[in-house]
Amino acid sequence: MATHKSAVKRHTQSLKRRTRNKSNTTKLRSQLRRLRAAVAGKDPATARRMLPETLSLIDRSIQKGVLHANAAARHKSRLTRLVTSLG
């Protein structure tokens, strides 16, 4: 455990950031999993409804530093293709 006052503060900050980052990552992964499950279940209405929500969450994840911009673009492209392939 840290002993200097500044080290204690840094440790506290890192714990807060860690929980915040984990929360954002978990939200994103859960939403992606739900959308993929809707596609796998051949439910086009639900998948089309969930797509804008998911794309918005991906965009917010870029701003929060959870995803790199290019990785986010790749996710968005693949998910959009997946949903439109349902017909």
PDB file of N, CA and C in Angstrom:
ATOM      1  N   MET A   1       0.852  -1.187   0.000  1.00  0.00           N
ATOM      2  CA  MET A   1       0.000   0.000   0.000  1.00  0.00           C
ATOM      3  C   MET A   1       0.886   1.234   0.000  1.00  0.00           C
ATOM      4  N   ALA A   2       0.394   2.290  -0.636  1.00  0.00           N
ATOM      5  CA  ALA A   2       1.148   3.536  -0.741  1.00  0.00           C
ATOM      6  C   ALA A   2       1.260   4.214   0.623  1.00  0.00           C
ATOM      7  N   THR A   3       2.389   4.910   0.841  1.00  0.00           N
ATOM      8  CA  THR A   3       2.586   5.577   2.120  1.00  0.00           C
ATOM      9  C   THR A   3       2.605   7.095   1.998  1.00  0.00           C
ATOM     10  N   HIS A   4       3.035   7.640   0.865  1.00  0.00           N
ATOM     11  CA  HIS A   4       3.034   9.093   0.689  1.00  0.00           C
ATOM     12  C   HIS A   4       1.618   9.564   0.394  1.00  0.00           C
ATOM     13  N   LYS A   5       1.357  10.796   0.794  1.00  0.00           N
ATOM     14  CA  LYS A   5       0.026  11.351   0.592  1.00  0.00           C
ATOM     15  C   LYS A   5      -0.344  11.381  -0.895  1.00  0.00           C
ATOM     16  N   SER A   6       0.605  11.768  -1.731  1.00  0.00           N
ATOM     17  CA  SER A   6       0.335  11.840  -3.172  1.00  0.00           C
ATOM     18  C   SER A   6       0.118  10.447  -3.758  1.00  0.00           C
ATOM     19  N   ALA A   7       0.846   9.465  -3.251  1.00  0.00           N
ATOM     20  CA  ALA A   7       0.698   8.097  -3.737  1.00  0.00           C
ATOM     21  C   ALA A   7      -0.654   7.521  -3.320  1.00  0.00           C
ATOM     22  N   VAL A   8      -1.103   7.876  -2.126  1.00  0.00           N
ATOM     23  CA  VAL A   8      -2.414   7.428  -1.656  1.00  0.00           C
ATOM     24  C   VAL A   8      -3.509   8.015  -2.546  1.00  0.00           C
ATOM     25  N   LYS A   9      -3.351   9.306  -2.873  1.00  0.00           N
ATOM     26  CA  LYS A   9      -4.335   9.961  -3.734  1.00  0.00           C
ATOM     27  C   LYS A   9      -4.365   9.310  -5.117  1.00  0.00           C
ATOM     28  N   ARG A  10      -3.191   9.058  -5.688  1.00  0.00           N
ATOM     29  CA  ARG A  10      -3.117   8.419  -6.999  1.00  0.00           C
ATOM     30  C   ARG A  10      -3.776   7.039  -6.970  1.00  0.00           C
ATOM     31  N   HIS A  11      -3.547   6.313  -5.886  1.00  0.00           N
ATOM     32  CA  HIS A  11      -4.141   4.983  -5.749  1.00  0.00           C
ATOM     33  C   HIS A  11      -5.671   5.079  -5.712  1.00  0.00           C
ATOM     34  N   THR A  12      -6.169   6.025  -4.948  1.00  0.00           N
ATOM     35  CA  THR A  12      -7.618   6.226  -4.856  1.00  0.00           C
ATOM     36  C   THR A  12      -8.196   6.599  -6.214  1.00  0.00           C
ATOM     37  N   GLN A  13      -7.505   7.496  -6.919  1.00  0.00           N
ATOM     38  CA  GLN A  13      -7.974   7.905  -8.241  1.00  0.00           C
ATOM     39  C   GLN A  13      -7.984   6.727  -9.211  1.00  0.00           C
ATOM     40  N   SER A  14      -6.940   5.917  -9.142  1.00  0.00           N
ATOM     41  CA  SER A  14      -6.861   4.788 -10.072  1.00  0.00           C
ATOM     42  C   SER A  14      -7.974   3.780  -9.802  1.00  0.00           C
ATOM     43  N   LEU A  15      -8.335   3.593  -8.546  1.00  0.00           N
ATOM     44  CA  LEU A  15      -9.436   2.684  -8.219  1.00  0.00           C
ATOM     45  C   LEU A  15     -10.762   3.205  -8.766  1.00  0.00           C
ATOM     46  N   LYS A  16     -10.987   4.521  -8.626  1.00  0.00           N
ATOM     47  CA  LYS A  16     -12.217   5.119  -9.155  1.00  0.00           C
ATOM     48  C   LYS A  16     -12.271   4.965 -10.668  1.00  0.00           C
ATOM     49  N   ARG A  17     -11.157   5.265 -11.329  1.00  0.00           N
ATOM     50  CA  ARG A  17     -11.114   5.160 -12.787  1.00  0.00           C
ATOM     51  C   ARG A  17     -11.323   3.718 -13.239  1.00  0.00           C
ATOM     52  N   ARG A  18     -10.737   2.802 -12.500  1.00  0.00           N
ATOM     53  CA  ARG A  18     -10.860   1.387 -12.854  1.00  0.00           C
ATOM     54  C   ARG A  18     -12.314   0.937 -12.822  1.00  0.00           C
ATOM     55  N   THR A  19     -13.042   1.325 -11.765  1.00  0.00           N
ATOM     56  CA  THR A  19     -14.449   0.930 -11.674  1.00  0.00           C
ATOM     57  C   THR A  19     -15.268   1.592 -12.772  1.00  0.00           C
ATOM     58  N   ARG A  20     -14.964   2.861 -13.080  1.00  0.00           N
ATOM     59  CA  ARG A  20     -15.684   3.568 -14.146  1.00  0.00           C
ATOM     60  C   ARG A  20     -15.421   2.916 -15.500  1.00  0.00           C
ATOM     61  N   ASN A  21     -14.160   2.588 -15.782  1.00  0.00           N
ATOM     62  CA  ASN A  21     -13.810   1.957 -17.052  1.00  0.00           C
ATOM     63  C   ASN A  21     -14.447   0.577 -17.184  1.00  0.00           C
ATOM     64  N   LYS A  22     -14.430  -0.169 -16.081  1.00  0.00           N
ATOM     65  CA  LYS A  22     -15.015  -1.505 -16.103  1.00  0.00           C
ATOM     66  C   LYS A  22     -16.517  -1.430 -16.361  1.00  0.00           C
ATOM     67  N   SER A  23     -17.172  -0.454 -15.764  1.00  0.00           N
ATOM     68  CA  SER A  23     -18.604  -0.270 -15.964  1.00  0.00           C
ATOM     69  C   SER A  23     -18.912   0.039 -17.423  1.00  0.00           C
ATOM     70  N   ASN A  24     -18.150   0.951 -18.014  1.00  0.00           N
ATOM     71  CA  ASN A  24     -18.375   1.323 -19.415  1.00  0.00           C
ATOM     72  C   ASN A  24     -18.106   0.149 -20.348  1.00  0.00           C
ATOM     73  N   THR A  25     -17.057  -0.598 -20.079  1.00  0.00           N
ATOM     74  CA  THR A  25     -16.725  -1.753 -20.909  1.00  0.00           C
ATOM     75  C   THR A  25     -17.812  -2.816 -20.813  1.00  0.00           C
ATOM     76  N   THR A  26     -18.298  -3.059 -19.621  1.00  0.00           N
ATOM     77  CA  THR A  26     -19.332  -4.061 -19.400  1.00  0.00           C
ATOM     78  C   THR A  26     -20.622  -3.681 -20.117  1.00  0.00           C
ATOM     79  N   LYS A  27     -20.998  -2.391 -20.034  1.00  0.00           N
ATOM     80  CA  LYS A  27     -22.200  -1.924 -20.733  1.00  0.00           C
ATOM     81  C   LYS A  27     -22.100  -2.181 -22.225  1.00  0.00           C
ATOM     82  N   LEU A  28     -20.948  -1.837 -22.785  1.00  0.00           N
ATOM     83  CA  LEU A  28     -20.748  -1.998 -24.224  1.00  0.00           C
ATOM     84  C   LEU A  28     -20.820  -3.468 -24.621  1.00  0.00           C
ATOM     85  N   ARG A  29     -20.106  -4.324 -23.918  1.00  0.00           N
ATOM     86  CA  ARG A  29     -20.085  -5.747 -24.264  1.00  0.00           C
ATOM     87  C   ARG A  29     -21.463  -6.376 -24.125  1.00  0.00           C
ATOM     88  N   SER A  30     -22.204  -5.985 -23.097  1.00  0.00           N
ATOM     89  CA  SER A  30     -23.547  -6.535 -22.888  1.00  0.00           C
ATOM     90  C   SER A  30     -24.474  -6.147 -24.030  1.00  0.00           C
ATOM     91  N   GLN A  31     -24.386  -4.874 -24.449  1.00  0.00           N
ATOM     92  CA  GLN A  31     -25.239  -4.413 -25.545  1.00  0.00           C
ATOM     93  C   GLN A  31     -24.895  -5.146 -26.845  1.00  0.00           C
ATOM     94  N   LEU A  32     -23.595  -5.326 -27.106  1.00  0.00           N
ATOM     95  CA  LEU A  32     -23.176  -6.050 -28.307  1.00  0.00           C
ATOM     96  C   LEU A  32     -23.684  -7.489 -28.261  1.00  0.00           C
ATOM     97  N   ARG A  33     -23.601  -8.110 -27.098  1.00  0.00           N
ATOM     98  CA  ARG A  33     -24.052  -9.488 -26.929  1.00  0.00           C
ATOM     99  C   ARG A  33     -25.555  -9.591 -27.170  1.00  0.00           C
ATOM    100  N   ARG A  34     -26.328  -8.611 -26.652  1.00  0.00           N
ATOM    101  CA  ARG A  34     -27.774  -8.627 -26.837  1.00  0.00           C
ATOM    102  C   ARG A  34     -28.155  -8.468 -28.304  1.00  0.00           C
ATOM    103  N   LEU A  35     -27.464  -7.573 -28.999  1.00  0.00           N
ATOM    104  CA  LEU A  35     -27.769  -7.369 -30.415  1.00  0.00           C
ATOM    105  C   LEU A  35     -27.432  -8.613 -31.222  1.00  0.00           C
ATOM    106  N   ARG A  36     -26.295  -9.218 -30.953  1.00  0.00           N
ATOM    107  CA  ARG A  36     -25.911 -10.435 -31.681  1.00  0.00           C
ATOM    108  C   ARG A  36     -26.876 -11.580 -31.390  1.00  0.00           C
ATOM    109  N   ALA A  37     -27.394 -11.631 -30.163  1.00  0.00           N
ATOM    110  CA  ALA A  37     -28.367 -12.667 -29.813  1.00  0.00           C
ATOM    111  C   ALA A  37     -29.673 -12.457 -30.579  1.00  0.00           C
ATOM    112  N   ALA A  38     -30.076 -11.205 -30.747  1.00  0.00           N
ATOM    113  CA  ALA A  38     -31.288 -10.912 -31.514  1.00  0.00           C
ATOM    114  C   ALA A  38     -31.105 -11.316 -32.971  1.00  0.00           C
ATOM    115  N   VAL A  39     -29.910 -11.089 -33.510  1.00  0.00           N
ATOM    116  CA  VAL A  39     -29.630 -11.487 -34.894  1.00  0.00           C
ATOM    117  C   VAL A  39     -29.609 -13.007 -35.003  1.00  0.00           C
ATOM    118  N   ALA A  40     -28.972 -13.660 -34.050  1.00  0.00           N
ATOM    119  CA  ALA A  40     -28.889 -15.121 -34.073  1.00  0.00           C
ATOM    120  C   ALA A  40     -30.274 -15.754 -33.910  1.00  0.00           C
ATOM    121  N   GLY A  41     -31.152 -15.083 -33.183  1.00  0.00           N
ATOM    122  CA  GLY A  41     -32.510 -15.581 -32.979  1.00  0.00           C
ATOM    123  C   GLY A  41     -33.439 -15.263 -34.126  1.00  0.00           C
ATOM    124  N   LYS A  42     -32.888 -14.712 -35.203  1.00  0.00           N
ATOM    125  CA  LYS A  42     -33.671 -14.379 -36.410  1.00  0.00           C
ATOM    126  C   LYS A  42     -34.843 -13.460 -36.060  1.00  0.00           C
ATOM    127  N   ASP A  43     -34.554 -12.449 -35.249  1.00  0.00           N
ATOM    128  CA  ASP A  43     -35.580 -11.490 -34.849  1.00  0.00           C
ATOM    129  C   ASP A  43     -35.240 -10.121 -35.438  1.00  0.00           C
ATOM    130  N   PRO A  44     -35.616  -9.874 -36.710  1.00  0.00           N
ATOM    131  CA  PRO A  44     -35.194  -8.640 -37.376  1.00  0.00           C
ATOM    132  C   PRO A  44     -35.781  -7.375 -36.756  1.00  0.00           C
ATOM    133  N   ALA A  45     -36.986  -7.439 -36.223  1.00  0.00           N
ATOM    134  CA  ALA A  45     -37.602  -6.244 -35.640  1.00  0.00           C
ATOM    135  C   ALA A  45     -36.809  -5.774 -34.421  1.00  0.00           C
ATOM    136  N   THR A  46     -36.479  -6.708 -33.552  1.00  0.00           N
ATOM    137  CA  THR A  46     -35.707  -6.361 -32.365  1.00  0.00           C
ATOM    138  C   THR A  46     -34.307  -5.898 -32.739  1.00  0.00           C
ATOM    139  N   ALA A  47     -33.701  -6.570 -33.692  1.00  0.00           N
ATOM    140  CA  ALA A  47     -32.338  -6.204 -34.101  1.00  0.00           C
ATOM    141  C   ALA A  47     -32.317  -4.798 -34.692  1.00  0.00           C
ATOM    142  N   ARG A  48     -33.303  -4.465 -35.528  1.00  0.00           N
ATOM    143  CA  ARG A  48     -33.353  -3.117 -36.122  1.00  0.00           C
ATOM    144  C   ARG A  48     -33.586  -2.056 -35.058  1.00  0.00           C
ATOM    145  N   ARG A  49     -34.370  -2.394 -34.044  1.00  0.00           N
ATOM    146  CA  ARG A  49     -34.641  -1.443 -32.962  1.00  0.00           C
ATOM    147  C   ARG A  49     -33.401  -1.230 -32.105  1.00  0.00           C
ATOM    148  N   MET A  50     -32.632  -2.292 -31.909  1.00  0.00           N
ATOM    149  CA  MET A  50     -31.455  -2.206 -31.040  1.00  0.00           C
ATOM    150  C   MET A  50     -30.228  -1.610 -31.732  1.00  0.00           C
ATOM    151  N   LEU A  51     -30.204  -1.646 -33.054  1.00  0.00           N
ATOM    152  CA  LEU A  51     -29.021  -1.183 -33.780  1.00  0.00           C
ATOM    153  C   LEU A  51     -28.668   0.277 -33.487  1.00  0.00           C
ATOM    154  N   PRO A  52     -29.600   1.239 -33.582  1.00  0.00           N
ATOM    155  CA  PRO A  52     -29.227   2.631 -33.290  1.00  0.00           C
ATOM    156  C   PRO A  52     -28.737   2.831 -31.856  1.00  0.00           C
ATOM    157  N   GLU A  53     -29.351   2.134 -30.906  1.00  0.00           N
ATOM    158  CA  GLU A  53     -28.913   2.227 -29.512  1.00  0.00           C
ATOM    159  C   GLU A  53     -27.474   1.738 -29.378  1.00  0.00           C
ATOM    160  N   THR A  54     -27.183   0.628 -30.039  1.00  0.00           N
ATOM    161  CA  THR A  54     -25.850   0.043 -29.964  1.00  0.00           C
ATOM    162  C   THR A  54     -24.814   0.941 -30.631  1.00  0.00           C
ATOM    163  N   LEU A  55     -25.156   1.486 -31.794  1.00  0.00           N
ATOM    164  CA  LEU A  55     -24.221   2.375 -32.489  1.00  0.00           C
ATOM    165  C   LEU A  55     -23.948   3.627 -31.665  1.00  0.00           C
ATOM    166  N   SER A  56     -24.966   4.133 -31.009  1.00  0.00           N
ATOM    167  CA  SER A  56     -24.795   5.295 -30.142  1.00  0.00           C
ATOM    168  C   SER A  56     -23.875   4.967 -28.963  1.00  0.00           C
ATOM    169  N   LEU A  57     -24.052   3.800 -28.396  1.00  0.00           N
ATOM    170  CA  LEU A  57     -23.198   3.379 -27.280  1.00  0.00           C
ATOM    171  C   LEU A  57     -21.755   3.200 -27.734  1.00  0.00           C
ATOM    172  N   ILE A  58     -21.554   2.701 -28.944  1.00  0.00           N
ATOM    173  CA  ILE A  58     -20.210   2.556 -29.483  1.00  0.00           C
ATOM    174  C   ILE A  58     -19.566   3.935 -29.639  1.00  0.00           C
ATOM    175  N   ASP A  59     -20.324   4.909 -30.138  1.00  0.00           N
ATOM    176  CA  ASP A  59     -19.800   6.265 -30.288  1.00  0.00           C
ATOM    177  C   ASP A  59     -19.417   6.871 -28.936  1.00  0.00           C
ATOM    178  N   ARG A  60     -20.248   6.640 -27.935  1.00  0.00           N
ATOM    179  CA  ARG A  60     -19.925   7.150 -26.598  1.00  0.00           C
ATOM    180  C   ARG A  60     -18.694   6.453 -26.031  1.00  0.00           C
ATOM    181  N   SER A  61     -18.510   5.186 -26.384  1.00  0.00           N
ATOM    182  CA  SER A  61     -17.348   4.433 -25.899  1.00  0.00           C
ATOM    183  C   SER A  61     -16.049   5.000 -26.460  1.00  0.00           C
ATOM    184  N   ILE A  62     -16.108   5.554 -27.676  1.00  0.00           N
ATOM    185  CA  ILE A  62     -14.919   6.196 -28.243  1.00  0.00           C
ATOM    186  C   ILE A  62     -14.537   7.389 -27.375  1.00  0.00           C
ATOM    187  N   GLN A  63     -15.526   8.206 -27.033  1.00  0.00           N
ATOM    188  CA  GLN A  63     -15.274   9.408 -26.236  1.00  0.00           C
ATOM    189  C   GLN A  63     -14.739   9.077 -24.849  1.00  0.00           C
ATOM    190  N   LYS A  64     -15.185   7.962 -24.306  1.00  0.00           N
ATOM    191  CA  LYS A  64     -14.755   7.579 -22.961  1.00  0.00           C
ATOM    192  C   LYS A  64     -13.430   6.824 -22.961  1.00  0.00           C
ATOM    193  N   GLY A  65     -12.916   6.516 -24.156  1.00  0.00           N
ATOM    194  CA  GLY A  65     -11.626   5.836 -24.237  1.00  0.00           C
ATOM    195  C   GLY A  65     -11.716   4.326 -24.109  1.00  0.00           C
ATOM    196  N   VAL A  66     -12.919   3.783 -24.213  1.00  0.00           N
ATOM    197  CA  VAL A  66     -13.085   2.342 -24.111  1.00  0.00           C
ATOM    198  C   VAL A  66     -12.667   1.669 -25.414  1.00  0.00           C
ATOM    199  N   LEU A  67     -12.997   2.310 -26.535  1.00  0.00           N
ATOM    200  CA  LEU A  67     -12.688   1.767 -27.857  1.00  0.00           C
ATOM    201  C   LEU A  67     -11.867   2.771 -28.657  1.00  0.00           C
ATOM    202  N   HIS A  68     -10.983   2.265 -29.498  1.00  0.00           N
ATOM    203  CA  HIS A  68     -10.276   3.104 -30.462  1.00  0.00           C
ATOM    204  C   HIS A  68     -11.250   3.423 -31.599  1.00  0.00           C
ATOM    205  N   ALA A  69     -11.055   4.557 -32.232  1.00  0.00           N
ATOM    206  CA  ALA A  69     -11.985   5.012 -33.273  1.00  0.00           C
ATOM    207  C   ALA A  69     -12.089   4.017 -34.422  1.00  0.00           C
ATOM    208  N   ASN A  70     -10.966   3.452 -34.844  1.00  0.00           N
ATOM    209  CA  ASN A  70     -11.001   2.502 -35.964  1.00  0.00           C
ATOM    210  C   ASN A  70     -11.685   1.193 -35.563  1.00  0.00           C
ATOM    211  N   ALA A  71     -11.453   0.759 -34.352  1.00  0.00           N
ATOM    212  CA  ALA A  71     -12.110  -0.464 -33.868  1.00  0.00           C
ATOM    213  C   ALA A  71     -13.616  -0.238 -33.786  1.00  0.00           C
ATOM    214  N   ALA A  72     -14.002   0.945 -33.350  1.00  0.00           N
ATOM    215  CA  ALA A  72     -15.428   1.264 -33.268  1.00  0.00           C
ATOM    216  C   ALA A  72     -16.054   1.278 -34.653  1.00  0.00           C
ATOM    217  N   ALA A  73     -15.348   1.854 -35.619  1.00  0.00           N
ATOM    218  CA  ALA A  73     -15.864   1.892 -36.987  1.00  0.00           C
ATOM    219  C   ALA A  73     -16.034   0.479 -37.538  1.00  0.00           C
ATOM    220  N   ARG A  74     -15.090  -0.381 -37.213  1.00  0.00           N
ATOM    221  CA  ARG A  74     -15.172  -1.781 -37.658  1.00  0.00           C
ATOM    222  C   ARG A  74     -16.380  -2.469 -37.035  1.00  0.00           C
ATOM    223  N   HIS A  75     -16.587  -2.259 -35.735  1.00  0.00           N
ATOM    224  CA  HIS A  75     -17.753  -2.846 -35.056  1.00  0.00           C
ATOM    225  C   HIS A  75     -19.049  -2.353 -35.688  1.00  0.00           C
ATOM    226  N   LYS A  76     -19.144  -1.045 -35.900  1.00  0.00           N
ATOM    227  CA  LYS A  76     -20.362  -0.467 -36.452  1.00  0.00           C
ATOM    228  C   LYS A  76     -20.653  -1.017 -37.842  1.00  0.00           C
ATOM    229  N   SER A  77     -19.620  -1.126 -38.646  1.00  0.00           N
ATOM    230  CA  SER A  77     -19.792  -1.630 -40.005  1.00  0.00           C
ATOM    231  C   SER A  77     -20.277  -3.073 -40.001  1.00  0.00           C
ATOM    232  N   ARG A  78     -19.646  -3.897 -39.210  1.00  0.00           N
ATOM    233  CA  ARG A  78     -20.005  -5.316 -39.174  1.00  0.00           C
ATOM    234  C   ARG A  78     -21.400  -5.531 -38.608  1.00  0.00           C
ATOM    235  N   LEU A  79     -21.739  -4.776 -37.562  1.00  0.00           N
ATOM    236  CA  LEU A  79     -23.072  -4.923 -36.969  1.00  0.00           C
ATOM    237  C   LEU A  79     -24.159  -4.466 -37.937  1.00  0.00           C
ATOM    238  N   THR A  80     -23.906  -3.373 -38.627  1.00  0.00           N
ATOM    239  CA  THR A  80     -24.892  -2.884 -39.593  1.00  0.00           C
ATOM    240  C   THR A  80     -25.104  -3.885 -40.707  1.00  0.00           C
ATOM    241  N   ARG A  81     -24.004  -4.460 -41.218  1.00  0.00           N
ATOM    242  CA  ARG A  81     -24.121  -5.485 -42.258  1.00  0.00           C
ATOM    243  C   ARG A  81     -24.891  -6.690 -41.752  1.00  0.00           C
ATOM    244  N   LEU A  82     -24.625  -7.075 -40.508  1.00  0.00           N
ATOM    245  CA  LEU A  82     -25.276  -8.243 -39.908  1.00  0.00           C
ATOM    246  C   LEU A  82     -26.785  -8.026 -39.819  1.00  0.00           C
ATOM    247  N   VAL A  83     -27.187  -6.845 -39.351  1.00  0.00           N
ATOM    248  CA  VAL A  83     -28.611  -6.566 -39.169  1.00  0.00           C
ATOM    249  C   VAL A  83     -29.311  -6.444 -40.523  1.00  0.00           C
ATOM    250  N   THR A  84     -28.675  -5.795 -41.487  1.00  0.00           N
ATOM    251  CA  THR A  84     -29.323  -5.644 -42.792  1.00  0.00           C
ATOM    252  C   THR A  84     -29.398  -6.962 -43.545  1.00  0.00           C
ATOM    253  N   SER A  85     -28.529  -7.913 -43.216  1.00  0.00           N
ATOM    254  CA  SER A  85     -28.571  -9.213 -43.889  1.00  0.00           C
ATOM    255  C   SER A  85     -29.792 -10.037 -43.460  1.00  0.00           C
ATOM    256  N   LEU A  86     -30.432  -9.638 -42.358  1.00  0.00           N
ATOM    257  CA  LEU A  86     -31.632 -10.368 -41.905  1.00  0.00           C
ATOM    258  C   LEU A  86     -32.798 -10.189 -42.867  1.00  0.00           C
ATOM    259  N   GLY A  87     -32.776  -9.080 -43.591  1.00  0.00           N
ATOM    260  CA  GLY A  87     -33.838  -8.875 -44.579  1.00  0.00           C
ATOM    261  C   GLY A  87     -34.999  -8.085 -44.085  1.00  0.00           C
TER     262      GLY A  87
END
